[in-house]
Protein backbone atom coordinates (compact mmCIF):
# COMPACT_ATOMS: atom_id res chain seq x y z
CA MET A 1 -45.27 -108.05 -13.50
CA LYS A 2 -48.39 -108.79 -11.51
CA LYS A 3 -51.85 -108.38 -13.04
CA VAL A 4 -54.56 -107.17 -10.69
CA ARG A 5 -58.31 -107.52 -11.06
CA LYS A 6 -59.46 -104.61 -8.93
CA VAL A 7 -57.99 -101.12 -8.90
CA GLN A 8 -58.30 -101.04 -5.09
CA ASP A 9 -55.75 -103.86 -4.90
CA ILE A 10 -52.96 -101.53 -6.03
CA ILE A 11 -54.12 -97.92 -5.60
CA ASN A 12 -54.19 -97.86 -1.81
CA SER A 13 -52.22 -96.59 1.16
CA THR A 14 -50.15 -99.79 1.35
CA TYR A 15 -48.40 -98.94 -1.91
CA ILE A 16 -48.93 -95.18 -2.10
CA LYS A 17 -47.60 -93.86 1.16
CA PRO A 18 -47.39 -90.30 2.51
CA GLY A 19 -44.52 -88.44 0.88
CA SER A 20 -44.92 -90.24 -2.46
CA MET A 21 -44.10 -88.34 -5.65
CA ILE A 22 -46.39 -89.63 -8.42
CA TYR A 23 -45.93 -89.00 -12.14
CA THR A 24 -48.96 -89.62 -14.35
CA ALA A 25 -49.37 -89.67 -18.12
CA GLY A 26 -51.62 -86.98 -19.57
CA ASN A 27 -53.51 -86.03 -22.73
CA ALA A 28 -55.25 -89.03 -24.34
CA ALA A 29 -53.25 -91.53 -22.26
CA VAL A 30 -54.53 -90.48 -18.83
CA PRO A 31 -54.95 -93.67 -16.73
CA GLN A 32 -58.46 -92.70 -15.73
CA VAL A 33 -59.36 -95.70 -13.57
CA LEU A 34 -56.15 -95.47 -11.55
CA LEU A 35 -56.49 -91.73 -11.01
CA LYS A 36 -60.15 -91.86 -10.00
CA GLN A 37 -59.27 -94.39 -7.33
CA LEU A 38 -56.41 -92.14 -6.20
CA ALA A 39 -58.95 -89.34 -5.77
CA ARG A 40 -61.47 -91.54 -3.92
CA ASP A 41 -59.26 -93.28 -1.36
CA PRO A 42 -59.33 -91.14 1.83
CA TYR A 43 -56.34 -93.00 3.24
CA ILE A 44 -54.03 -91.78 0.48
CA TYR A 45 -52.78 -88.39 1.62
CA ASN A 46 -49.76 -86.07 1.59
CA VAL A 47 -48.71 -87.12 -1.91
CA ASP A 48 -47.56 -85.05 -4.89
CA LEU A 49 -48.98 -85.63 -8.38
CA LEU A 50 -47.11 -84.38 -11.46
CA SER A 51 -49.21 -84.05 -14.60
CA VAL A 52 -49.26 -82.65 -18.13
CA LEU A 53 -52.79 -81.82 -19.35
CA LEU A 54 -55.16 -84.26 -17.66
CA LEU A 55 -58.05 -85.09 -20.01
CA GLY A 56 -60.91 -87.54 -19.64
CA ASP A 57 -63.10 -88.47 -16.67
CA VAL A 58 -60.79 -87.37 -13.85
CA GLY A 59 -62.55 -84.32 -12.44
CA GLU A 60 -62.70 -86.00 -9.01
CA LEU A 61 -58.97 -85.34 -8.65
CA PHE A 62 -59.67 -81.63 -8.29
CA THR A 63 -62.41 -81.54 -5.69
CA GLU A 64 -61.57 -79.49 -2.60
CA GLU A 65 -61.28 -82.67 -0.53
CA ALA A 66 -58.95 -84.39 -3.01
CA CYS A 67 -56.75 -81.30 -3.30
CA GLN A 68 -56.24 -81.33 0.47
CA ARG A 69 -54.75 -84.81 0.24
CA ILE A 70 -53.05 -84.54 -3.15
CA LYS A 71 -50.66 -81.74 -4.02
CA HIS A 72 -51.10 -81.18 -7.75
CA ARG A 73 -47.97 -80.04 -9.56
CA ILE A 74 -49.38 -78.90 -12.90
CA ILE A 75 -46.85 -78.75 -15.74
CA PHE A 76 -49.53 -77.95 -18.33
CA SER A 77 -53.05 -77.02 -17.25
CA GLY A 78 -56.38 -77.98 -18.81
CA PRO A 79 -60.12 -77.83 -18.16
CA HIS A 80 -60.05 -79.86 -14.93
CA SER A 81 -57.09 -78.09 -13.32
CA ARG A 82 -57.47 -74.51 -14.52
CA ASP A 83 -59.87 -73.29 -11.83
CA PRO A 84 -58.21 -75.10 -8.89
CA LEU A 85 -54.81 -73.88 -10.05
CA ASN A 86 -55.90 -70.27 -9.97
CA LYS A 87 -57.61 -70.66 -6.58
CA GLY A 88 -54.49 -71.90 -4.82
CA MET A 89 -55.66 -75.52 -4.66
CA ALA A 90 -52.84 -76.66 -6.98
CA THR A 91 -49.43 -75.34 -7.99
CA TYR A 92 -47.87 -74.50 -11.35
CA GLN A 93 -44.67 -76.37 -12.18
CA LEU A 94 -42.77 -74.08 -14.58
CA MET A 95 -41.01 -76.26 -17.11
CA HIS A 96 -40.20 -76.39 -20.81
CA LEU A 97 -41.47 -79.63 -22.32
CA SER A 98 -37.92 -80.43 -23.41
CA ASP A 99 -36.75 -80.21 -19.79
CA ILE A 100 -39.36 -82.48 -18.20
CA PRO A 101 -37.30 -85.70 -18.46
CA ARG A 102 -34.16 -84.09 -17.02
CA GLN A 103 -36.01 -82.54 -14.07
CA VAL A 104 -38.00 -85.71 -13.44
CA ARG A 105 -34.89 -87.92 -13.38
CA ASN A 106 -32.56 -85.58 -11.49
CA TYR A 107 -34.71 -83.43 -9.21
CA LEU A 108 -38.30 -84.61 -8.80
CA LYS A 109 -37.44 -88.34 -8.68
CA PRO A 110 -40.94 -89.86 -8.56
CA ASN A 111 -41.39 -93.18 -6.80
CA ILE A 112 -44.75 -93.98 -8.44
CA CYS A 113 -45.57 -93.78 -12.16
CA LEU A 114 -49.10 -94.25 -13.53
CA PHE A 115 -49.78 -94.52 -17.27
CA THR A 116 -51.60 -96.41 -20.02
CA VAL A 117 -50.11 -99.00 -22.35
CA ALA A 118 -51.00 -101.14 -25.35
CA GLY A 119 -49.59 -104.53 -26.22
CA PRO A 120 -47.53 -106.56 -25.79
CA ASP A 121 -45.76 -107.22 -29.08
CA ASN A 122 -43.91 -110.46 -29.81
CA GLY A 123 -40.90 -109.25 -27.82
CA GLY A 124 -42.85 -108.60 -24.62
CA ASN A 125 -42.77 -104.82 -25.19
CA TYR A 126 -45.65 -102.49 -24.42
CA SER A 127 -46.29 -99.24 -26.26
CA PHE A 128 -46.69 -96.01 -24.27
CA GLY A 129 -49.64 -95.45 -26.58
CA THR A 130 -50.63 -91.87 -27.24
CA THR A 131 -48.32 -90.23 -24.70
CA VAL A 132 -44.60 -90.73 -24.15
CA GLU A 133 -43.77 -87.13 -23.14
CA GLY A 134 -41.89 -87.46 -19.79
CA VAL A 135 -43.36 -90.82 -18.76
CA ASN A 136 -40.32 -92.81 -19.86
CA SER A 137 -38.07 -90.63 -17.69
CA ALA A 138 -40.28 -91.33 -14.67
CA VAL A 139 -39.85 -95.05 -15.28
CA GLN A 140 -36.08 -94.56 -15.49
CA ALA A 141 -36.06 -92.64 -12.20
CA ILE A 142 -38.04 -95.39 -10.49
CA ARG A 143 -35.70 -98.06 -11.76
CA GLU A 144 -32.73 -96.05 -10.43
CA TYR A 145 -34.10 -94.83 -7.10
CA GLY A 146 -36.83 -97.37 -6.36
CA GLY A 147 -40.59 -97.32 -6.62
CA LEU A 148 -43.51 -98.78 -8.53
CA VAL A 149 -44.56 -98.70 -12.19
CA ILE A 150 -48.34 -99.16 -12.37
CA VAL A 151 -50.16 -99.27 -15.70
CA GLU A 152 -53.56 -99.65 -17.23
CA ARG A 153 -53.74 -101.75 -20.38
CA ASN A 154 -56.66 -100.07 -22.12
CA ALA A 155 -58.09 -102.25 -24.88
CA GLN A 156 -58.79 -99.09 -26.91
CA MET A 157 -55.25 -97.70 -26.71
CA PRO A 158 -53.37 -97.90 -30.04
CA PHE A 159 -49.95 -99.51 -30.18
CA VAL A 160 -47.96 -96.49 -31.38
CA LEU A 161 -44.59 -97.64 -32.67
CA GLY A 162 -41.37 -96.17 -31.31
CA THR A 163 -40.77 -95.85 -27.58
CA THR A 164 -41.75 -98.96 -25.62
CA ILE A 165 -41.42 -100.46 -22.15
CA HIS A 166 -40.57 -104.11 -21.54
CA GLU A 167 -42.93 -106.15 -19.37
CA SER A 168 -40.11 -106.71 -16.87
CA ASP A 169 -40.17 -102.97 -16.05
CA ILE A 170 -43.87 -103.02 -15.10
CA ASP A 171 -44.80 -103.91 -11.52
CA PHE A 172 -48.62 -103.94 -11.69
CA MET A 173 -51.09 -103.99 -14.59
CA LEU A 174 -54.85 -103.43 -14.59
CA ASP A 175 -56.87 -104.26 -17.72
CA THR A 176 -59.44 -101.60 -18.70
CA ASP A 177 -61.60 -100.80 -21.72
CA TYR A 178 -62.97 -97.28 -22.26
CA PRO A 179 -62.84 -94.62 -25.00
CA LEU A 180 -59.89 -92.25 -25.16
CA PRO A 181 -60.38 -88.48 -24.88
CA VAL A 182 -60.78 -86.87 -28.29
CA SER A 183 -59.93 -83.46 -29.69
CA PRO A 184 -62.71 -82.34 -32.03
CA VAL A 185 -61.68 -80.82 -35.36
CA HIS A 186 -61.98 -77.03 -35.27
CA GLN A 187 -63.42 -75.89 -38.60
CA PRO A 188 -61.54 -72.72 -39.64
CA ASP A 189 -63.35 -69.47 -40.36
CA GLU A 190 -62.21 -66.96 -42.98
CA VAL A 191 -59.93 -65.17 -40.50
CA ALA A 192 -58.08 -68.42 -39.78
CA ARG A 193 -57.84 -69.11 -43.52
CA LYS A 194 -56.27 -65.69 -44.12
CA ILE A 195 -53.63 -66.44 -41.49
CA ALA A 196 -53.02 -69.86 -43.03
CA ARG A 197 -52.59 -68.40 -46.53
CA LEU A 198 -49.96 -65.99 -45.24
CA VAL A 199 -48.07 -68.71 -43.37
CA THR A 200 -48.18 -71.17 -46.27
CA GLU A 201 -47.34 -68.73 -49.06
CA LEU A 202 -44.51 -66.97 -47.24
CA TYR A 203 -42.86 -69.68 -45.14
CA ILE A 204 -43.70 -73.26 -46.21
CA SER A 205 -42.14 -74.77 -49.33
CA ASN A 206 -41.40 -78.20 -50.77
CA GLY A 207 -39.29 -80.19 -48.31
CA SER A 208 -40.23 -78.18 -45.22
CA THR A 209 -40.48 -79.99 -41.89
CA LEU A 210 -43.57 -79.08 -39.86
CA GLN A 211 -44.62 -78.70 -36.25
CA TYR A 212 -48.02 -77.43 -35.24
CA GLY A 213 -50.87 -78.35 -32.92
CA ILE A 214 -54.66 -78.29 -32.91
CA GLY A 215 -57.16 -75.53 -33.59
CA GLU A 216 -58.60 -73.47 -36.42
CA VAL A 217 -55.30 -72.16 -37.75
CA PRO A 218 -53.56 -75.58 -37.93
CA GLU A 219 -56.60 -76.98 -39.74
CA ALA A 220 -56.52 -74.06 -42.16
CA VAL A 221 -52.75 -74.42 -42.68
CA THR A 222 -53.28 -78.08 -43.55
CA ASP A 223 -55.84 -77.15 -46.20
CA ALA A 224 -53.62 -74.36 -47.56
CA ILE A 225 -50.68 -76.76 -47.88
CA ILE A 226 -52.80 -79.18 -49.90
CA ASP A 227 -54.22 -76.36 -52.04
CA LYS A 228 -50.72 -75.06 -52.78
CA GLY A 229 -49.66 -78.51 -53.99
CA LEU A 230 -46.63 -78.81 -51.74
CA LYS A 231 -44.76 -82.10 -51.61
CA ASP A 232 -42.08 -84.03 -49.72
CA LEU A 233 -42.88 -82.44 -46.36
CA GLY A 234 -41.68 -83.88 -43.06
CA ILE A 235 -43.25 -83.93 -39.62
CA TYR A 236 -41.21 -83.48 -36.44
CA THR A 237 -43.58 -82.42 -33.69
CA GLU A 238 -44.45 -82.65 -30.02
CA LEU A 239 -48.21 -83.05 -30.68
CA PHE A 240 -49.46 -85.13 -33.59
CA ALA A 241 -53.13 -84.46 -34.40
CA ASP A 242 -55.62 -85.35 -37.12
CA ALA A 243 -54.61 -82.42 -39.32
CA MET A 244 -51.19 -84.02 -39.79
CA ARG A 245 -52.81 -87.38 -40.45
CA LYS A 246 -54.59 -85.71 -43.38
CA LEU A 247 -51.25 -84.63 -44.86
CA ILE A 248 -49.92 -88.19 -44.62
CA ASP A 249 -53.07 -89.65 -46.17
CA GLU A 250 -52.84 -87.13 -49.03
CA GLY A 251 -49.25 -88.19 -49.75
CA VAL A 252 -47.93 -84.71 -49.00
CA VAL A 253 -45.69 -85.99 -46.19
CA THR A 254 -42.84 -88.28 -47.30
CA ASN A 255 -40.11 -87.24 -44.80
CA ARG A 256 -37.79 -87.40 -47.80
CA TYR A 257 -35.35 -84.87 -46.37
CA CYS A 258 -35.54 -86.10 -42.76
CA GLU A 259 -33.08 -88.44 -41.08
CA VAL A 260 -35.81 -91.09 -40.89
CA ASN A 261 -38.66 -91.95 -43.25
CA PHE A 262 -41.43 -91.61 -40.67
CA SER A 263 -43.06 -88.75 -38.78
CA ILE A 264 -42.12 -88.24 -35.13
CA GLY A 265 -44.24 -87.05 -32.21
CA SER A 266 -44.39 -87.36 -28.44
CA ILE A 267 -48.12 -86.81 -27.81
CA PHE A 268 -50.98 -87.98 -30.04
CA LEU A 269 -54.57 -86.69 -30.09
CA ALA A 270 -57.29 -87.78 -32.50
CA ALA A 271 -60.77 -86.50 -33.25
CA ASP A 272 -62.41 -89.92 -32.96
CA LYS A 273 -61.79 -93.62 -32.46
CA ALA A 274 -60.94 -94.06 -36.14
CA GLY A 275 -58.06 -91.64 -35.69
CA TYR A 276 -56.64 -93.68 -32.81
CA ASP A 277 -57.12 -96.92 -34.74
CA TRP A 278 -55.15 -95.33 -37.61
CA LEU A 279 -52.16 -94.84 -35.29
CA SER A 280 -51.94 -98.47 -34.19
CA TYR A 281 -48.91 -100.29 -35.69
CA ASN A 282 -48.70 -97.52 -38.33
CA SER A 283 -45.09 -97.35 -39.53
CA SER A 284 -45.54 -93.82 -40.91
CA VAL A 285 -45.64 -92.46 -37.35
CA GLN A 286 -43.42 -93.14 -34.34
CA SER A 287 -43.27 -91.85 -30.77
CA ARG A 288 -40.31 -90.37 -28.92
CA PRO A 289 -39.79 -88.85 -25.44
CA CYS A 290 -40.16 -85.07 -25.27
CA ASP A 291 -36.46 -84.46 -24.58
CA ILE A 292 -35.97 -85.76 -28.14
CA THR A 293 -38.97 -84.21 -29.92
CA ASN A 294 -38.43 -80.90 -28.16
CA SER A 295 -34.64 -80.77 -28.08
CA ILE A 296 -33.63 -77.41 -29.53
CA LEU A 297 -30.53 -79.04 -31.04
CA LYS A 298 -32.56 -81.78 -32.75
CA ILE A 299 -35.21 -79.33 -33.95
CA ALA A 300 -32.43 -77.21 -35.46
CA GLN A 301 -31.16 -80.23 -37.40
CA GLN A 302 -34.46 -80.71 -39.23
CA HIS A 303 -34.67 -79.68 -42.88
CA LYS A 304 -36.31 -76.24 -43.27
CA MET A 305 -38.06 -76.54 -39.91
CA VAL A 306 -41.29 -74.51 -39.71
CA ALA A 307 -42.85 -74.37 -36.23
CA ILE A 308 -46.34 -72.85 -36.08
CA ASN A 309 -47.75 -72.04 -32.65
CA SER A 310 -50.27 -69.63 -31.18
CA ALA A 311 -50.31 -67.21 -28.28
CA ILE A 312 -52.58 -65.31 -25.93
CA GLY A 313 -50.89 -62.00 -26.67
CA VAL A 314 -47.89 -60.06 -27.96
CA ASP A 315 -46.64 -56.59 -27.08
CA LEU A 316 -44.92 -53.94 -29.21
CA HIS A 317 -41.45 -55.08 -28.17
CA GLY A 318 -42.18 -58.63 -29.35
CA ASN A 319 -42.70 -60.30 -25.97
CA ILE A 320 -45.06 -63.25 -26.44
CA TRP A 321 -47.12 -65.01 -23.77
CA ALA A 322 -49.08 -68.22 -24.23
CA ASP A 323 -49.61 -69.73 -20.77
CA SER A 324 -51.12 -66.89 -18.73
CA LEU A 325 -54.01 -64.47 -19.13
CA LYS A 326 -52.65 -61.93 -16.67
CA GLY A 327 -49.95 -61.95 -14.03
CA ARG A 328 -50.13 -65.26 -12.19
CA GLN A 329 -53.44 -66.38 -13.71
CA VAL A 330 -52.32 -69.53 -15.54
CA TYR A 331 -54.36 -70.75 -18.50
CA SER A 332 -52.28 -73.60 -19.95
CA GLY A 333 -48.51 -73.94 -19.60
CA ILE A 334 -45.09 -73.16 -21.06
CA GLY A 335 -45.23 -76.42 -23.00
CA GLY A 336 -42.86 -76.72 -25.94
CA GLN A 337 -43.43 -73.36 -27.58
CA ALA A 338 -40.05 -71.86 -26.68
CA ASP A 339 -38.29 -75.09 -27.68
CA TYR A 340 -39.71 -74.96 -31.18
CA LEU A 341 -39.49 -71.19 -31.69
CA ARG A 342 -35.79 -71.24 -30.91
CA GLY A 343 -34.93 -74.55 -32.53
CA SER A 344 -36.69 -73.74 -35.81
CA TYR A 345 -34.89 -70.40 -36.09
CA LEU A 346 -31.57 -72.27 -35.93
CA SER A 347 -32.66 -74.63 -38.71
CA GLU A 348 -31.30 -73.70 -42.15
CA GLY A 349 -34.27 -72.15 -43.98
CA GLY A 350 -36.48 -72.55 -40.90
CA TYR A 351 -38.98 -70.25 -39.23
CA GLY A 352 -40.47 -69.99 -35.76
CA ILE A 353 -43.97 -68.60 -36.22
CA ILE A 354 -46.68 -67.34 -33.89
CA ALA A 355 -49.94 -67.42 -35.85
CA MET A 356 -52.98 -65.95 -34.11
CA LYS A 357 -56.12 -63.94 -34.67
CA SER A 358 -55.64 -60.26 -33.89
CA THR A 359 -58.52 -60.20 -31.38
CA THR A 360 -60.19 -62.56 -28.94
CA ALA A 361 -63.72 -63.89 -29.50
CA ASN A 362 -64.88 -60.91 -27.39
CA GLY A 363 -63.13 -58.42 -29.64
CA ILE A 364 -60.23 -57.65 -27.27
CA SER A 365 -56.95 -56.99 -29.05
CA LYS A 366 -54.18 -59.54 -28.62
CA ILE A 367 -51.70 -56.91 -29.80
CA MET A 368 -50.85 -54.75 -26.80
CA ASP A 369 -48.62 -51.81 -25.94
CA MET A 370 -46.98 -53.71 -23.07
CA CYS A 371 -47.34 -57.24 -21.75
CA PRO A 372 -49.37 -57.54 -18.51
CA GLU A 373 -47.39 -56.96 -15.34
CA GLY A 374 -45.95 -60.15 -13.92
CA ILE A 375 -46.75 -62.27 -16.98
CA THR A 376 -44.50 -65.18 -17.93
CA THR A 377 -43.36 -65.06 -21.55
CA THR A 378 -42.73 -67.97 -23.90
CA ALA A 379 -40.64 -65.73 -26.14
CA ILE A 380 -38.86 -62.49 -25.31
CA ALA A 381 -38.35 -59.49 -27.56
CA ALA A 382 -34.90 -60.70 -28.63
CA ASP A 383 -36.28 -63.99 -29.98
CA PRO A 384 -36.58 -63.61 -33.78
CA VAL A 385 -40.14 -64.89 -34.00
CA VAL A 386 -42.30 -64.31 -37.07
CA ILE A 387 -45.78 -63.12 -35.97
CA VAL A 388 -48.79 -63.55 -38.25
CA THR A 389 -52.38 -62.30 -37.93
CA GLU A 390 -55.11 -61.93 -40.55
CA TYR A 391 -53.70 -58.49 -41.39
CA GLY A 392 -50.19 -59.58 -42.30
CA ALA A 393 -46.90 -61.13 -41.26
CA PHE A 394 -44.08 -59.48 -39.33
CA ASP A 395 -40.48 -60.69 -39.43
CA PRO A 396 -38.33 -58.89 -36.80
CA ARG A 397 -34.92 -60.01 -38.01
CA GLY A 398 -32.50 -57.14 -38.43
CA LEU A 399 -34.85 -54.53 -36.97
CA ASN A 400 -34.48 -52.17 -34.02
CA ILE A 401 -37.01 -51.74 -31.24
CA ALA A 402 -38.89 -48.87 -32.89
CA GLU A 403 -39.17 -50.89 -36.10
CA HIS A 404 -40.39 -53.84 -34.02
CA ALA A 405 -43.10 -51.69 -32.51
CA VAL A 406 -44.33 -50.22 -35.79
CA GLY A 407 -44.41 -53.60 -37.56
CA ILE A 408 -46.20 -55.34 -34.69
CA ALA A 409 -48.75 -52.52 -34.44
CA HIS A 410 -49.72 -53.23 -38.05
CA LEU A 411 -50.75 -56.76 -37.02
CA ALA A 412 -53.62 -55.31 -34.95
CA GLU A 413 -57.13 -54.54 -36.14
CA PRO A 414 -57.32 -51.01 -37.62
CA LYS A 415 -58.63 -49.06 -34.59
CA THR A 416 -56.12 -50.66 -32.23
CA ARG A 417 -53.37 -50.24 -34.83
CA ASP A 418 -53.95 -46.50 -35.04
CA ILE A 419 -53.97 -46.15 -31.24
CA LEU A 420 -50.71 -48.08 -30.96
CA LEU A 421 -49.06 -46.12 -33.78
CA LYS A 422 -49.93 -42.86 -32.04
CA LYS A 423 -48.38 -44.17 -28.80
CA ILE A 424 -45.23 -45.06 -30.70
CA TYR A 425 -45.12 -41.69 -32.44
CA ASP A 426 -45.61 -39.78 -29.17
CA SER A 427 -43.12 -41.88 -27.21
CA ALA A 428 -39.72 -40.39 -26.38
CA GLU A 429 -38.48 -43.85 -25.40
CA PHE A 430 -38.25 -45.10 -28.98
CA HIS A 431 -35.34 -43.91 -31.08
CA LYS A 432 -36.74 -41.47 -33.63
CA PRO A 433 -40.15 -43.14 -33.97
CA PRO A 434 -41.40 -40.69 -36.64
CA ALA A 435 -38.70 -42.01 -38.97
CA ALA A 436 -39.88 -45.56 -38.41
CA LEU A 437 -43.40 -44.53 -39.38
CA LYS A 438 -42.50 -43.13 -42.79
CA ASN A 439 -42.35 -46.44 -44.64
CA ARG A 440 -45.61 -47.96 -45.91
CA PRO A 441 -45.73 -50.86 -45.34
CA PRO A 442 -43.23 -50.72 -42.47
CA LYS A 443 -40.01 -52.70 -42.39
CA GLY A 444 -40.49 -56.41 -41.81
CA PHE A 445 -44.25 -56.29 -42.40
CA THR A 446 -45.98 -58.10 -45.27
CA PRO A 447 -49.67 -57.14 -45.59
CA TYR A 448 -52.21 -59.84 -46.35
CA GLU A 449 -53.22 -58.13 -49.61
CA SER A 450 -49.74 -58.63 -51.05
CA ILE A 451 -50.09 -62.43 -51.14
CA LEU A 452 -53.57 -62.56 -52.68
CA ARG A 453 -52.21 -62.97 -56.21
CA TYR A 454 -50.42 -66.14 -55.10
CA SER A 455 -53.22 -67.75 -53.08
CA ARG A 456 -55.99 -67.45 -55.64
């Protein structure tokens, strides 16, 4: 390994030639200094850059000039890439999170990998810090096919135990020192708390293993779990955020029924520096590549696996979309939602849950008659996904398509619900829809009011 003093000594056209395929770490582990130099050097051109949610001070990568030289392959979009992606200045790389390592090693075969590390430890090993995801697979591809591993050693990056890289596998290192991107805590409103009460009362019990992300509902679920007095929970997740840290600090998480006695994640986001400091050399949490954290087979092996995710919308058949707003207008990415929805269903006593508010902030219903034309779905109607809004929970297992439609309609706010129910009733395409409308509440639907006696 060679240490360099100036970023220009390694991020230049001598090392990064036309035709290069570059893989970069994302989320809180974005190598910001390396990527800003990549964006600024006019002699670096005709290169591809694979990324998963680029956060931090890297907006220069997405200027019109930079996008003419760098072909962005966006696996999961974020605030910097969203507008360029939908203006044709970047391209969407459709991929389940679980499949990133396989596609990187076998098909994309990058010859440059850029990421951030912490360390070394006494064995000469460096931590991948807050993001393992598919980075380890890019290193493997480079070692097999040739190329360069270039890292920043950020003094503020925590040494997250688990997956590491030995110093002999690093070609160039640049020392840096700047704050990591943070994910502010989203204080839940009463609607989010209603959703959380439903999820916690109906689907989470002592010994459950959890996966969820960031946002109002995950924060509210965390509080509801503590209020319910649950114990011996496990964490097996792709994204580990501060809400899960709270469960560990409260002693709720013991991983007693898991194969290992620590929580596992692939990506780590904190709300502040204290949260990142908490992760460093913390034996209660370990990192793994996303083909492990998001393997459907491994998710299915977890004890009473409960995966809680959100979505942009759901239609009456049960199609769910989470990456696109309409047609080809990409908002985020496929991510690991399908991995966890399907893996958790296969877990004994497990549930794959979509928990979302019934309307957007602008009052537009997320419960729709049909999904938008051309939309990509993260779950199809045949996936037995539990859907929860502030009005109730719907479990589709064992139900026909008309029963699906009636139950899902009841998840909508009252005016939309009545419109959807009339469409169902008037539709000749459903099998005897009037019969499906006779039950109150409909099959598979649990109204919020029914759980109030438990959550008080």
